[in-house]
C-alpha atoms as a PDB file:
ATOM      1  CA  MET A   1    -224.589-102.549 -83.144  1.00  0.00           C
ATOM      2  CA  THR A   2    -223.355-104.900 -80.431  1.00  0.00           C
ATOM      3  CA  ALA A   3    -222.650-108.586 -80.946  1.00  0.00           C
ATOM      4  CA  ALA A   4    -225.699-109.462 -78.841  1.00  0.00           C
ATOM      5  CA  GLU A   5    -227.924-107.306 -81.064  1.00  0.00           C
ATOM      6  CA  LYS A   6    -226.509-108.909 -84.224  1.00  0.00           C
ATOM      7  CA  LEU A   7    -227.045-112.373 -82.756  1.00  0.00           C
ATOM      8  CA  TYR A   8    -230.626-111.500 -81.817  1.00  0.00           C
ATOM      9  CA  GLN A   9    -231.368-110.345 -85.375  1.00  0.00           C
ATOM     10  CA  LEU A  10    -229.883-113.494 -86.891  1.00  0.00           C
ATOM     11  CA  ILE A  11    -231.753-115.808 -84.524  1.00  0.00           C
ATOM     12  CA  GLN A  12    -235.121-114.242 -85.357  1.00  0.00           C
ATOM     13  CA  ALA A  13    -234.868-115.594 -88.913  1.00  0.00           C
ATOM     14  CA  LEU A  14    -233.988-119.170 -87.883  1.00  0.00           C
ATOM     15  CA  PRO A  15    -236.390-122.078 -87.499  1.00  0.00           C
ATOM     16  CA  GLU A  16    -237.054-123.352 -83.966  1.00  0.00           C
ATOM     17  CA  ASN A  17    -234.767-126.402 -84.215  1.00  0.00           C
ATOM     18  CA  GLN A  18    -231.803-124.233 -85.219  1.00  0.00           C
ATOM     19  CA  ILE A  19    -232.568-121.752 -82.450  1.00  0.00           C
ATOM     20  CA  ASN A  20    -232.340-124.682 -80.007  1.00  0.00           C
ATOM     21  CA  GLU A  21    -228.936-125.618 -81.458  1.00  0.00           C
ATOM     22  CA  VAL A  22    -227.696-122.057 -80.921  1.00  0.00           C
ATOM     23  CA  LEU A  23    -229.051-122.147 -77.375  1.00  0.00           C
ATOM     24  CA  HIS A  24    -227.323-125.461 -76.598  1.00  0.00           C
ATOM     25  CA  PHE A  25    -224.047-124.136 -77.994  1.00  0.00           C
ATOM     26  CA  ALA A  26    -224.316-120.951 -75.911  1.00  0.00           C
ATOM     27  CA  GLU A  27    -225.039-123.039 -72.794  1.00  0.00           C
ATOM     28  CA  PHE A  28    -222.006-125.203 -73.602  1.00  0.00           C
ATOM     29  CA  LEU A  29    -219.776-122.138 -73.889  1.00  0.00           C
ATOM     30  CA  HIS A  30    -221.190-120.716 -70.661  1.00  0.00           C
ATOM     31  CA  GLN A  31    -220.521-123.956 -68.784  1.00  0.00           C
ATOM     32  CA  LYS A  32    -217.069-124.311 -70.345  1.00  0.00           C
ATOM     33  CA  GLN A  33    -215.865-121.036 -68.837  1.00  0.00           C
ATOM     34  CA  PHE A  34    -216.543-122.331 -65.309  1.00  0.00           C
ATOM     35  CA  THR A  35    -214.851-125.720 -65.633  1.00  0.00           C
ATOM     36  CA  SER A  36    -211.183-126.132 -64.872  1.00  0.00           C
ATOM     37  CA  PRO A  37    -208.994-127.556 -67.611  1.00  0.00           C
ATOM     38  CA  GLN A  38    -208.217-131.219 -67.117  1.00  0.00           C
ATOM     39  CA  GLN A  39    -204.830-132.732 -67.660  1.00  0.00           C
ATOM     40  CA  ALA A  40    -205.004-133.949 -71.227  1.00  0.00           C
ATOM     41  CA  ILE A  41    -203.805-137.364 -72.322  1.00  0.00           C
ATOM     42  CA  PRO A  42    -202.241-137.094 -75.771  1.00  0.00           C
ATOM     43  CA  SER A  43    -204.740-138.498 -78.267  1.00  0.00           C
ATOM     44  CA  ASP A  44    -201.995-140.336 -80.175  1.00  0.00           C
ATOM     45  CA  THR A  45    -201.409-142.703 -77.237  1.00  0.00           C
ATOM     46  CA  LEU A  46    -203.429-145.885 -76.802  1.00  0.00           C
ATOM     47  CA  THR A  47    -204.887-144.595 -73.548  1.00  0.00           C
ATOM     48  CA  GLY A  48    -205.872-141.340 -75.191  1.00  0.00           C
ATOM     49  CA  LEU A  49    -207.487-143.096 -78.136  1.00  0.00           C
ATOM     50  CA  ARG A  50    -209.432-145.401 -75.830  1.00  0.00           C
ATOM     51  CA  GLY A  51    -210.728-142.393 -73.877  1.00  0.00           C
ATOM     52  CA  ILE A  52    -211.786-140.642 -77.070  1.00  0.00           C
ATOM     53  CA  ALA A  53    -213.638-143.740 -78.255  1.00  0.00           C
ATOM     54  CA  LYS A  54    -215.474-144.096 -74.926  1.00  0.00           C
ATOM     55  CA  ARG A  55    -216.509-140.447 -74.931  1.00  0.00           C
ATOM     56  CA  ALA A  56    -217.694-140.701 -78.536  1.00  0.00           C
ATOM     57  CA  ASP A  57    -219.761-143.775 -77.641  1.00  0.00           C
ATOM     58  CA  ALA A  58    -221.331-141.995 -74.671  1.00  0.00           C
ATOM     59  CA  ILE A  59    -222.116-138.945 -76.807  1.00  0.00           C
ATOM     60  CA  GLN A  60    -223.802-141.122 -79.421  1.00  0.00           C
ATOM     61  CA  LYS A  61    -225.924-142.792 -76.727  1.00  0.00           C
ATOM     62  CA  MET A  62    -227.018-139.424 -75.361  1.00  0.00           C
ATOM     63  CA  ARG A  63    -227.773-138.075 -78.841  1.00  0.00           C
ATOM     64  CA  GLY A  64    -229.960-141.109 -79.388  1.00  0.00           C
ATOM     65  CA  LEU A  65    -231.951-140.205 -76.304  1.00  0.00           C
ATOM     66  CA  LEU A  66    -232.425-136.651 -77.505  1.00  0.00           C
ATOM     67  CA  LYS A  67    -233.554-137.598 -81.017  1.00  0.00           C
ATOM     68  CA  THR A  68    -236.301-139.990 -80.007  1.00  0.00           C
ATOM     69  CA  ASP A  69    -239.668-139.662 -78.388  1.00  0.00           C
ATOM     70  CA  GLN A  70    -238.452-141.806 -75.503  1.00  0.00           C
ATOM     71  CA  PRO A  71    -238.915-140.407 -72.016  1.00  0.00           C
ATOM     72  CA  ALA A  72    -235.903-139.039 -70.196  1.00  0.00           C
ATOM     73  CA  PRO A  73    -233.936-141.615 -68.195  1.00  0.00           C
ATOM     74  CA  THR A  74    -235.083-142.142 -64.642  1.00  0.00           C
ATOM     75  CA  ASP A  75    -232.896-141.411 -61.650  1.00  0.00           C
ATOM     76  CA  GLN A  76    -232.218-145.145 -61.358  1.00  0.00           C
ATOM     77  CA  ASP A  77    -231.195-145.323 -65.049  1.00  0.00           C
ATOM     78  CA  VAL A  78    -228.771-142.452 -64.539  1.00  0.00           C
ATOM     79  CA  ALA A  79    -227.379-144.065 -61.382  1.00  0.00           C
ATOM     80  CA  ASP A  80    -226.858-147.308 -63.317  1.00  0.00           C
ATOM     81  CA  MET A  81    -225.092-145.446 -66.140  1.00  0.00           C
ATOM     82  CA  LEU A  82    -222.817-143.687 -63.648  1.00  0.00           C
ATOM     83  CA  GLU A  83    -221.999-146.942 -61.885  1.00  0.00           C
ATOM     84  CA  GLU A  84    -221.199-148.592 -65.216  1.00  0.00           C
ATOM     85  CA  ARG A  85    -218.929-145.667 -66.120  1.00  0.00           C
ATOM     86  CA  ARG A  86    -217.144-145.841 -62.771  1.00  0.00           C
ATOM     87  CA  LEU A  87    -216.510-149.552 -63.230  1.00  0.00           C
ATOM     88  CA  GLU A  88    -215.108-148.907 -66.716  1.00  0.00           C
ATOM     89  CA  LYS A  89    -212.958-146.062 -65.471  1.00  0.00           C
ATOM     90  CA  TYR A  90    -211.527-147.593 -62.313  1.00  0.00           C
ATOM     91  CA  LEU A  91    -211.536-151.313 -63.154  1.00  0.00           C
ATOM     92  CA  PRO A  92    -210.244-151.492 -66.742  1.00  0.00           C
END
């Protein structure tokens, strides 16, 4: 039995919300293989810790959007978020 067949059997027994988690993880892995590795800043430096904190904050904001019944952000909302991120990144 192949890994894909085993995965298919396991997924059939899961509830819908867990199937979605598996799907999101598989999409993450698929996307990860096409992205080039970035030069890492050691996390034990102040700059590295600040970057980790900012990413964690952004992740929490996005999780909040996914867990609510709120509509998806508009194009203008996304543009505003990107502009805010650029200002944080390039004008510390």
